Protein backbone atom coordinates (compact mmCIF):
# COMPACT_ATOMS: atom_id res chain seq x y z
CA MET A 1 95.17 125.45 101.13
CA LYS A 2 96.59 123.68 104.17
CA SER A 3 100.08 122.31 103.65
CA LEU A 4 99.71 122.34 99.84
CA ILE A 5 103.42 122.61 99.11
CA VAL A 6 104.28 119.72 101.42
CA LEU A 7 101.54 117.66 99.78
CA LEU A 8 103.11 118.17 96.36
CA ALA A 9 106.22 116.28 97.44
CA ALA A 10 104.21 113.05 97.20
CA LEU A 11 104.00 113.47 93.42
CA LEU A 12 107.29 111.67 92.92
CA LEU A 13 105.79 108.38 94.09
CA LEU A 14 102.86 108.35 91.67
CA PRO A 15 102.61 104.97 89.93
CA ALA A 16 102.26 104.93 86.17
CA SER A 17 98.84 103.34 86.48
CA ILE A 18 97.35 106.48 88.02
CA SER A 19 96.28 108.96 85.37
CA THR A 20 97.00 112.62 85.89
CA ALA A 21 94.37 115.25 85.37
CA ALA A 22 95.94 116.06 82.01
CA ASP A 23 95.26 112.52 80.85
CA SER A 24 91.57 113.03 81.52
CA ALA A 25 91.13 116.59 80.35
CA ALA A 26 87.63 115.86 79.11
CA ASP A 27 86.56 115.02 82.66
CA THR A 28 85.36 117.78 84.92
CA PRO A 29 85.81 117.54 88.70
CA GLU A 30 82.03 117.41 89.01
CA ALA A 31 82.05 114.18 86.99
CA MET A 32 84.58 112.54 89.30
CA ILE A 33 84.13 110.74 92.57
CA ARG A 34 84.34 113.68 94.95
CA SER A 35 84.69 111.80 98.21
CA ASP A 36 87.65 111.86 100.55
CA ILE A 37 88.42 109.96 103.70
CA ASP A 38 88.29 111.64 107.08
CA SER A 39 91.82 112.60 108.14
CA SER A 40 91.43 110.71 111.43
CA GLN A 41 91.48 107.44 109.46
CA LEU A 42 94.98 108.23 108.12
CA SER A 43 96.55 109.70 111.25
CA LEU A 44 98.91 107.88 113.66
CA PHE A 45 100.55 109.84 116.49
CA GLY A 46 99.49 112.99 114.63
CA LEU A 47 101.44 111.83 111.56
CA MET A 48 99.61 111.61 108.25
CA PRO A 49 100.66 110.57 104.72
CA GLY A 50 100.60 113.47 102.29
CA LEU A 51 101.18 116.00 105.09
CA SER A 52 103.94 114.87 107.45
CA THR A 53 107.62 114.91 106.47
CA MET A 54 110.31 112.41 107.42
CA GLY A 55 111.72 115.08 109.72
CA THR A 56 108.41 115.27 111.55
CA VAL A 57 108.29 111.48 111.88
CA ILE A 58 111.77 111.47 113.44
CA SER A 59 110.84 114.25 115.86
CA VAL A 60 107.85 112.22 117.08
CA LEU A 61 109.11 108.61 117.08
CA GLY A 62 112.83 109.05 117.68
CA ASN A 63 116.11 109.58 115.89
CA ALA A 64 116.66 107.38 112.82
CA THR A 65 118.28 107.59 109.40
CA PRO A 66 116.01 107.13 106.36
CA GLU A 67 117.10 104.22 104.17
CA LYS A 68 117.08 104.53 100.38
CA VAL A 69 115.39 101.49 98.83
CA GLY A 70 114.02 100.35 95.48
CA SER A 71 115.35 100.73 91.95
CA GLY A 72 114.60 102.51 88.68
CA GLU A 73 111.57 104.76 88.93
CA ARG A 74 110.55 103.15 92.23
CA VAL A 75 113.23 104.58 94.50
CA PHE A 76 112.07 105.96 97.83
CA MET A 77 113.16 106.67 101.38
CA ARG A 78 112.05 104.44 104.24
CA LEU A 79 111.98 104.71 108.02
CA CYS A 80 111.16 101.71 110.20
CA TYR A 81 110.44 101.67 113.92
CA VAL A 82 109.90 98.61 116.10
CA SER A 83 108.41 98.43 119.57
CA SER A 84 110.98 98.67 122.34
CA ALA A 85 108.74 96.68 124.68
CA LYS A 86 109.81 93.16 125.59
CA ASP A 87 108.27 90.46 123.37
CA ASP A 88 106.44 93.05 121.26
CA PHE A 89 107.81 93.18 117.73
CA THR A 90 105.19 95.51 116.24
CA LYS A 91 106.67 97.55 113.39
CA LEU A 92 105.69 100.94 111.96
CA VAL A 93 107.07 101.84 108.51
CA PHE A 94 107.06 105.19 106.68
CA GLU A 95 107.88 105.78 103.01
CA ALA A 96 108.48 109.03 101.13
CA PRO A 97 109.85 110.20 97.75
CA ALA A 98 113.59 109.73 97.32
CA ASN A 99 113.94 113.15 95.69
CA SER A 100 112.36 116.31 97.02
CA VAL A 101 110.41 118.73 94.86
CA GLU A 102 112.25 122.00 94.17
CA GLY A 103 111.38 124.57 96.80
CA VAL A 104 109.83 122.04 99.16
CA PRO A 105 111.44 121.88 102.63
CA GLY A 106 111.35 118.09 103.00
CA SER A 107 109.49 115.28 101.30
CA ALA A 108 106.01 114.35 102.43
CA VAL A 109 105.41 110.81 103.61
CA SER A 110 103.27 108.96 101.05
CA SER A 111 102.46 105.82 103.05
CA ILE A 112 102.39 104.47 106.60
CA ARG A 113 102.28 100.74 107.35
CA LEU A 114 101.67 99.03 110.68
CA TYR A 115 102.78 95.38 111.02
CA SER A 116 101.86 92.92 113.73
CA GLY A 117 104.87 91.47 115.56
CA ASP A 118 104.21 88.00 114.18
CA VAL A 119 104.23 89.17 110.55
CA ALA A 120 107.48 88.89 108.60
CA TYR A 121 108.95 92.15 107.29
CA ASP A 122 111.99 92.13 104.98
CA GLY A 123 113.41 95.40 106.30
CA ALA A 124 113.17 94.48 109.98
CA GLY A 125 116.95 94.58 110.35
CA SER A 126 117.00 98.34 109.83
CA CYS A 127 114.19 99.13 112.28
CA VAL A 128 114.93 101.46 115.21
CA ASN A 129 113.40 100.98 118.66
CA SER A 130 110.59 103.32 119.67
CA ALA A 131 108.70 103.37 122.96
CA LEU A 132 105.61 104.73 121.20
CA VAL A 133 105.14 101.76 118.88
CA SER A 134 103.31 98.74 120.30
CA ARG A 135 100.65 96.16 119.56
CA ASP A 136 98.18 98.71 121.00
CA THR A 137 99.03 101.39 118.41
CA VAL A 138 95.87 102.69 116.73
CA THR A 139 94.93 105.43 114.28
CA GLU A 140 93.22 108.57 115.50
CA SER A 141 89.90 106.92 114.60
CA GLY A 142 90.71 103.78 116.60
CA VAL A 143 91.76 101.31 113.89
CA GLY A 144 94.47 98.93 115.07
CA LEU A 145 95.92 95.44 115.07
CA ALA A 146 93.90 92.37 116.09
CA MET A 147 90.58 93.85 114.94
CA SER A 148 88.18 91.58 113.08
CA GLU A 149 87.13 92.35 109.50
CA ALA A 150 83.68 93.37 110.70
CA GLU A 151 85.15 95.75 113.31
CA PHE A 152 87.51 97.27 110.74
CA ILE A 153 84.74 97.89 108.20
CA GLU A 154 82.46 99.37 110.86
CA ARG A 155 85.22 101.68 112.10
CA ILE A 156 86.02 102.99 108.60
CA GLY A 157 82.36 103.20 107.58
CA GLY A 158 80.69 102.55 104.25
CA SER A 159 81.33 99.69 101.85
CA PRO A 160 84.84 98.50 100.95
CA THR A 161 85.94 99.22 97.38
CA GLU A 162 87.84 95.94 97.35
CA ARG A 163 87.44 92.79 99.41
CA TRP A 164 88.73 89.26 99.08
CA SER A 165 89.95 86.53 101.38
CA GLY A 166 92.14 88.15 104.04
CA PHE A 167 92.00 91.63 102.50
CA VAL A 168 89.71 94.66 102.86
CA GLY A 169 90.43 97.98 101.14
CA PHE A 170 88.84 101.43 100.97
CA GLU A 171 89.91 103.84 98.20
CA TYR A 172 88.97 107.50 97.84
CA HIS A 173 89.38 110.10 95.12
CA ALA A 174 88.84 113.82 95.55
CA ALA A 175 89.46 116.83 93.30
CA GLU A 176 90.62 119.84 95.34
CA ARG A 177 90.47 123.27 93.72
CA LEU A 178 93.59 125.46 93.75
CA SER A 179 93.43 129.14 94.62
CA LYS A 180 94.39 131.78 92.04
CA ALA A 181 97.67 132.38 93.88
CA GLU A 182 98.50 128.67 93.82
CA VAL A 183 97.73 128.47 90.09
CA GLU A 184 100.10 131.38 89.43
CA ARG A 185 102.83 129.70 91.46
CA LEU A 186 102.48 126.33 89.70
CA LYS A 187 101.82 127.31 86.08
CA ALA A 188 105.51 127.56 85.14
CA HIS A 189 106.02 123.89 86.08
CA TRP A 190 102.60 122.54 85.08
CA PRO A 191 101.01 124.74 82.35
CA PHE A 192 97.91 122.55 82.28
CA VAL A 193 96.94 123.95 85.68
CA LEU A 194 95.55 126.98 83.82
CA LYS A 195 92.88 124.73 82.25
CA TYR A 196 92.46 122.37 85.18
CA PRO A 197 93.02 124.19 88.50
CA TYR A 198 92.63 121.10 90.68
CA LEU A 199 94.75 118.57 92.53
CA ASP A 200 93.63 114.95 92.28
CA ILE A 201 93.96 113.34 95.70
CA HIS A 202 94.04 109.55 96.00
CA SER A 203 93.74 108.09 99.51
CA SER A 204 93.41 104.53 100.72
CA VAL A 205 93.14 102.43 103.86
CA GLU A 206 93.91 98.72 103.43
CA ALA A 207 93.96 95.90 105.96
CA ARG A 208 95.26 92.35 105.75
CA PHE A 209 93.90 89.65 108.03
CA TYR A 210 95.04 86.21 109.13
CA LYS A 211 92.62 83.87 110.87
CA GLY A 212 90.20 86.76 111.24
CA SER A 213 92.66 89.13 112.94
CA LEU A 214 94.11 92.34 111.47
CA LYS A 215 97.85 91.82 110.95
CA ARG A 216 98.85 94.68 108.65
CA LEU A 217 97.40 98.16 108.12
CA ASP A 218 98.36 100.35 105.14
CA LEU A 219 97.56 104.08 104.99
CA SER A 220 98.26 106.06 101.82
CA ARG A 221 97.63 109.53 100.43
CA ILE A 222 99.01 110.67 97.05
CA VAL A 223 98.42 113.97 95.29
CA ALA A 224 98.41 113.90 91.48
CA LYS A 225 99.57 116.98 89.65
CA PRO A 226 97.31 118.77 87.14
């Protein structure tokens, strides 16, 4: 399975509200929503939540030091880049688990957020300049700032799972089967994998609009352990 071990690093950011497979042992994967978003909807500059590490982000967008933020169980690492172009304050933010999983060479990014230059961002003071980031930044599928709600929905495709004034969201859930070798490797840490040899993958694309224009784009991909 492609980049499975890197994907598992995202487990540390799972919110308590998301049930693990063990919590729903009576459910079979066939009974679940077995849809997943096309990877092009989650990819920016070849970087994708759930796959890319902070090290990869730095190698693409420029040298920066991840900042540790949050408290309690919600502690994570953050990288922020801001456009180096004059009068363009577009920001691109990456978040990843604060603690790596044993044996994993780096923590996978769990979310990517793109902010319009005229949107306030609390962590702007720690952002590092990057020539790649601009108001014209778009995902691999072409989603970017200043789009209308109709354009955003058409580009993603299908019906939003959540929509209210100024917000449109698409959520996806897929159960991905583990190979026998992967089950053997994971069973010491997660014994339940012997009964439920799947990873639950939760992905989302969310957009916030102001006066009909896309101002913030959130991309997320989290893998839930068995």
